[in-house]
Protein backbone atom coordinates (compact mmCIF):
# COMPACT_ATOMS: atom_id res chain seq x y z
CA MET A 1 0.00 0.00 0.00
CA ASN A 2 1.40 3.40 -1.05
CA LEU A 3 0.35 5.58 1.86
CA SER A 4 1.35 8.82 0.13
CA GLU A 5 -1.34 8.11 -2.48
CA TYR A 6 -3.72 6.29 -0.14
CA SER A 7 -7.41 7.03 -0.64
CA PRO A 8 -9.54 5.10 1.87
CA GLU A 9 -13.25 4.56 1.37
CA HIS A 10 -14.49 4.80 4.96
CA PHE A 11 -12.46 7.62 6.53
CA LYS A 12 -10.44 10.63 5.46
CA TRP A 13 -6.67 10.43 5.12
CA ARG A 14 -4.13 13.22 5.05
CA CYS A 15 -0.36 12.86 5.08
CA GLN A 16 2.00 15.84 5.27
CA ASP A 17 5.49 16.43 6.69
CA GLY A 18 5.72 12.98 8.22
CA VAL A 19 2.37 13.20 10.03
CA ALA A 20 -0.67 11.20 8.93
CA GLN A 21 -4.20 12.11 10.02
CA ILE A 22 -7.12 9.68 10.01
CA THR A 23 -10.48 11.42 10.33
CA LEU A 24 -13.68 9.49 10.99
CA CYS A 25 -16.23 11.21 8.81
CA ARG A 26 -19.83 10.30 9.55
CA PRO A 27 -20.63 13.36 11.68
CA ALA A 28 -24.42 13.09 11.39
CA LYS A 29 -24.25 9.88 13.47
CA LYS A 30 -21.26 10.94 15.62
CA ASN A 31 -18.78 8.98 13.49
CA PRO A 32 -19.75 5.36 14.22
CA LEU A 33 -17.84 2.38 12.92
CA THR A 34 -19.10 -0.29 10.53
CA PHE A 35 -17.81 -3.75 9.59
CA ASP A 36 -16.03 -2.20 6.63
CA SER A 37 -14.50 0.75 8.48
CA TYR A 38 -13.15 -1.55 11.20
CA ALA A 39 -11.42 -3.64 8.54
CA GLU A 40 -10.11 -0.65 6.60
CA LEU A 41 -8.69 0.95 9.75
CA ARG A 42 -7.02 -2.35 10.67
CA ASP A 43 -5.42 -2.63 7.22
CA CYS A 44 -4.26 0.99 7.34
CA PHE A 45 -2.49 0.56 10.68
CA ARG A 46 -0.94 -2.69 9.47
CA ALA A 47 0.43 -0.87 6.42
CA LEU A 48 1.98 1.82 8.63
CA ALA A 49 4.37 -0.82 9.96
CA HIS A 50 6.00 -0.94 6.53
CA THR A 51 6.66 2.73 5.82
CA ASP A 52 9.44 5.09 6.85
CA GLU A 53 7.63 8.15 5.47
CA ILE A 54 5.38 8.64 8.49
CA GLY A 55 6.60 9.38 12.00
CA ALA A 56 3.32 9.97 13.85
CA VAL A 57 -0.39 9.31 13.31
CA ILE A 58 -3.41 11.34 14.45
CA ILE A 59 -6.90 9.88 14.70
CA ALA A 60 -9.79 12.33 15.01
CA GLY A 61 -13.50 12.70 14.25
CA GLU A 62 -15.59 15.26 12.40
CA GLY A 63 -18.41 17.43 13.67
CA GLY A 64 -17.40 17.94 17.30
CA ASN A 65 -17.39 14.25 18.23
CA PHE A 66 -14.73 11.54 18.19
CA CYS A 67 -16.59 8.24 17.69
CA SER A 68 -19.86 6.82 19.01
CA GLY A 69 -18.73 3.19 18.65
CA GLY A 70 -20.30 0.49 16.53
CA ASP A 71 -23.16 1.65 14.33
CA VAL A 72 -26.41 0.42 15.92
CA ASN A 73 -28.12 -0.37 12.61
CA GLU A 74 -25.10 -1.57 10.61
CA ILE A 75 -23.32 -3.59 13.32
CA ILE A 76 -25.36 -4.14 16.47
CA GLY A 77 -28.50 -5.29 14.68
CA PRO A 78 -26.73 -7.83 12.43
CA LEU A 79 -24.73 -9.18 15.40
CA THR A 80 -27.95 -10.27 17.12
CA GLN A 81 -28.62 -12.58 14.15
CA MET A 82 -25.16 -14.19 13.87
CA ASP A 83 -24.09 -17.64 15.03
CA MET A 84 -21.08 -18.18 17.28
CA LYS A 85 -18.69 -18.61 14.36
CA GLY A 86 -19.73 -15.28 12.84
CA LEU A 87 -19.61 -13.48 16.19
CA LEU A 88 -16.11 -14.75 16.96
CA LYS A 89 -14.93 -13.72 13.50
CA PHE A 90 -16.20 -10.19 14.22
CA THR A 91 -14.75 -9.89 17.73
CA ARG A 92 -11.37 -11.15 16.54
CA MET A 93 -11.41 -8.66 13.67
CA THR A 94 -12.09 -5.73 16.03
CA GLY A 95 -9.31 -6.95 18.30
CA ASP A 96 -6.99 -7.07 15.31
CA LEU A 97 -7.53 -3.32 14.88
CA VAL A 98 -6.18 -2.70 18.38
CA LYS A 99 -3.25 -5.05 17.71
CA ALA A 100 -2.46 -3.14 14.51
CA MET A 101 -2.54 0.19 16.36
CA ARG A 102 -0.27 -1.09 19.10
CA HIS A 103 2.17 -2.81 16.72
CA CYS A 104 2.65 -0.03 14.18
CA PRO A 105 5.92 1.71 15.12
CA GLN A 106 4.50 5.23 14.85
CA PRO A 107 3.08 6.80 18.01
CA VAL A 108 -0.67 7.31 17.60
CA ILE A 109 -2.36 10.42 19.01
CA ALA A 110 -6.14 10.54 19.54
CA ALA A 111 -7.76 13.99 19.27
CA VAL A 112 -10.91 13.45 21.33
CA ASP A 113 -13.87 15.82 21.34
CA GLY A 114 -17.49 15.24 22.32
CA VAL A 115 -18.74 11.66 22.25
CA CYS A 116 -16.09 8.96 22.69
CA ALA A 117 -18.02 5.77 23.38
CA GLY A 118 -17.80 2.00 23.00
CA ALA A 119 -15.34 1.13 20.27
CA GLY A 120 -14.55 4.86 20.02
CA ALA A 121 -13.31 4.77 23.62
CA ILE A 122 -11.23 1.73 22.65
CA LEU A 123 -9.63 3.63 19.74
CA ALA A 124 -8.65 6.40 22.15
CA MET A 125 -7.42 3.88 24.73
CA ALA A 126 -5.31 2.02 22.15
CA SER A 127 -3.57 5.23 21.08
CA ASP A 128 -0.27 6.26 22.64
CA PHE A 129 -1.40 9.79 23.50
CA ARG A 130 -4.84 11.30 24.05
CA LEU A 131 -5.68 14.99 23.87
CA GLY A 132 -9.22 15.91 24.85
CA THR A 133 -11.55 18.89 25.25
CA PRO A 134 -13.71 19.91 28.24
CA GLN A 135 -16.72 18.62 26.27
CA CYS A 136 -15.50 15.06 25.72
CA ARG A 137 -17.31 12.21 27.44
CA THR A 138 -15.60 8.81 27.33
CA ALA A 139 -17.69 5.72 28.00
CA PHE A 140 -16.74 2.05 27.81
CA LEU A 141 -20.45 1.32 27.63
CA PHE A 142 -20.41 -2.40 26.79
CA ASN A 143 -21.96 -3.28 30.17
CA ARG A 144 -24.94 -1.04 29.38
CA VAL A 145 -25.82 -3.09 26.30
CA GLY A 146 -25.52 -6.45 28.01
CA LEU A 147 -21.90 -7.18 27.11
CA ALA A 148 -18.75 -7.70 29.15
CA GLY A 149 -16.32 -4.86 29.70
CA CYS A 150 -13.53 -7.08 28.34
CA ASP A 151 -13.71 -5.82 24.76
CA MET A 152 -10.81 -5.27 22.33
CA GLY A 153 -8.18 -5.42 25.08
CA ALA A 154 -9.89 -3.06 27.53
CA CYS A 155 -9.17 -5.23 30.59
CA ALA A 156 -5.48 -5.38 29.66
CA ILE A 157 -4.83 -1.81 28.54
CA LEU A 158 -7.18 0.45 30.52
CA PRO A 159 -5.92 -0.58 34.01
CA ARG A 160 -2.37 0.16 32.87
CA ILE A 161 -3.43 3.70 31.98
CA ILE A 162 -5.73 4.67 34.87
CA GLY A 163 -5.33 1.85 37.44
CA GLN A 164 -7.33 -1.27 38.27
CA GLY A 165 -9.92 0.37 40.52
CA ARG A 166 -10.76 3.19 38.13
CA ALA A 167 -10.88 0.82 35.18
CA SER A 168 -13.25 -1.40 37.15
CA ASP A 169 -15.49 1.62 37.80
CA LEU A 170 -15.78 2.40 34.09
CA LEU A 171 -16.01 -1.19 32.82
CA PHE A 172 -18.58 -2.45 35.35
CA THR A 173 -20.87 0.59 35.15
CA GLY A 174 -20.43 1.79 31.56
CA ARG A 175 -20.71 5.36 32.84
CA ALA A 176 -19.13 8.29 31.04
CA MET A 177 -15.80 9.59 32.29
CA SER A 178 -15.66 13.39 32.24
CA ALA A 179 -12.76 15.26 30.69
CA GLU A 180 -11.68 16.45 34.15
CA GLU A 181 -11.64 12.89 35.48
CA GLY A 182 -9.84 11.66 32.40
CA GLU A 183 -7.04 14.18 32.76
CA ARG A 184 -6.76 13.69 36.53
CA TRP A 185 -6.63 9.92 36.14
CA GLY A 186 -4.01 10.04 33.38
CA PHE A 187 -6.23 8.93 30.50
CA PHE A 188 -5.81 12.31 28.80
CA ASN A 189 -2.35 13.80 28.41
CA ALA A 190 -3.89 17.26 28.12
CA ILE A 191 -7.22 19.05 27.78
CA CYS A 192 -7.50 21.75 25.08
CA ALA A 193 -10.16 24.20 23.97
CA PRO A 194 -12.18 22.61 21.15
CA GLU A 195 -11.01 25.21 18.64
CA ASN A 196 -7.37 24.43 19.50
CA LEU A 197 -7.59 20.62 19.67
CA LEU A 198 -6.31 19.75 16.21
CA GLU A 199 -3.67 22.47 16.29
CA GLU A 200 -2.27 21.19 19.59
CA THR A 201 -2.48 17.60 18.37
CA HIS A 202 -0.54 18.47 15.21
CA LYS A 203 2.11 20.27 17.28
CA LEU A 204 2.64 17.14 19.34
CA ALA A 205 2.61 14.91 16.25
CA ALA A 206 5.14 17.14 14.47
CA ARG A 207 7.45 17.07 17.48
CA ILE A 208 7.33 13.28 17.54
CA ALA A 209 7.67 12.92 13.75
CA ASN A 210 10.73 15.18 13.79
CA GLY A 211 12.36 13.06 16.46
CA PRO A 212 14.47 9.92 15.96
CA ARG A 213 11.90 7.66 14.28
CA PHE A 214 13.90 4.45 14.50
CA ALA A 215 14.39 5.01 18.23
CA ASN A 216 10.76 6.04 18.76
CA GLY A 217 9.68 2.75 17.18
CA PHE A 218 11.81 0.89 19.73
CA THR A 219 10.29 2.86 22.58
CA LYS A 220 6.78 1.87 21.48
CA ASN A 221 7.86 -1.72 20.95
CA GLN A 222 9.35 -1.98 24.43
CA LEU A 223 6.33 -0.35 26.05
CA ASN A 224 4.31 -3.19 24.53
CA LEU A 225 6.72 -6.07 25.18
CA GLU A 226 7.64 -5.20 28.74
CA TRP A 227 4.10 -5.68 30.02
CA ASP A 228 4.88 -9.39 30.22
CA MET A 229 8.51 -9.20 31.36
CA GLY A 230 10.17 -9.39 34.71
CA LEU A 231 12.58 -6.59 35.61
CA ASP A 232 15.76 -8.46 34.63
CA ALA A 233 14.35 -9.44 31.23
CA ALA A 234 13.13 -5.89 30.63
CA ILE A 235 16.51 -4.36 31.46
CA GLU A 236 18.26 -6.82 29.12
CA ALA A 237 15.76 -6.12 26.31
CA GLU A 238 16.29 -2.39 26.74
CA ALA A 239 20.06 -2.85 26.70
CA GLN A 240 19.81 -4.60 23.35
CA ALA A 241 17.38 -2.04 21.95
CA GLN A 242 19.53 0.90 23.05
CA ALA A 243 22.69 -0.68 21.62
CA LEU A 244 20.94 -0.95 18.25
CA CYS A 245 19.88 2.70 18.46
CA MET A 246 23.47 3.68 19.22
CA GLN A 247 24.43 2.32 15.80
CA THR A 248 22.16 4.78 13.98
CA ARG A 249 23.31 7.91 12.23
CA ASP A 250 20.69 9.87 14.16
CA PHE A 251 22.65 9.12 17.34
CA GLU A 252 25.78 10.53 15.68
CA ARG A 253 23.83 13.53 14.42
CA ALA A 254 22.64 14.30 17.93
CA TYR A 255 26.21 14.08 19.26
CA HIS A 256 27.65 16.43 16.63
CA ALA A 257 24.75 18.85 17.09
CA PHE A 258 25.42 18.87 20.84
CA LEU A 259 29.08 19.75 20.23
CA LYS A 260 27.98 22.66 18.04
CA ARG A 261 25.27 23.67 20.52
CA GLU A 262 22.63 23.13 17.84
CA ASN A 263 19.36 21.25 17.81
CA PRO A 264 19.77 17.88 16.07
CA VAL A 265 17.97 17.25 12.78
CA PHE A 266 16.96 13.61 12.71
CA GLU A 267 16.56 11.74 9.43
CA GLY A 268 15.32 8.38 10.66
CA ASP A 269 18.40 6.26 9.92
């Protein structure tokens, strides 16, 4: 997939100066997901693992909302008619989207405004950074529709972000987390005025994209892998990762820039 010429069917795509932006674009229904948009998002994030052109990814929604989750008519209704084989195929496919987001080397930044519910809350959770607005309401509402809170990795990832007790609160009740709670609990990295949300998100994305991309990919990889490691194994894995980064030209560039009292210009190699 040539991401510089990529033209997705179910969301908007923009790529400029090493930053890609995915925009969910069904604002009349608060940007819900469908079977097809799940799959296309999964394939897009998988393709990002094979490009050096992009250093950071933004995911946002149109019309003052992030994402209302699975479309009630296009997903929820059909799911009630499926057999177990079909249901498991669907739930594995949605989980594959989260895997693709976590395994692409580029840090992913969610720009969250308004409604952020169900699978939309999962998209925000699976991102590496989350910027919100005072208006955003984040709800892992699976419990409220008769489902378990353990959806798309929520029971693994959410407690690592906000803690076990707070995750239990959200997953057992399905209630909406306010922006103030989300920032206080560490779910949101920052809260911005709605009119400044995309600008601030792009500033953060540009800073990351202009950093050492090879090294940033290792940081994300180790943040994933070290969930399951003991301390000794983690320290050894980081020693190997850092030794590889020390062989890059970006490491040399940073050294020579330091000697000249200049800011390093990283080129990703």
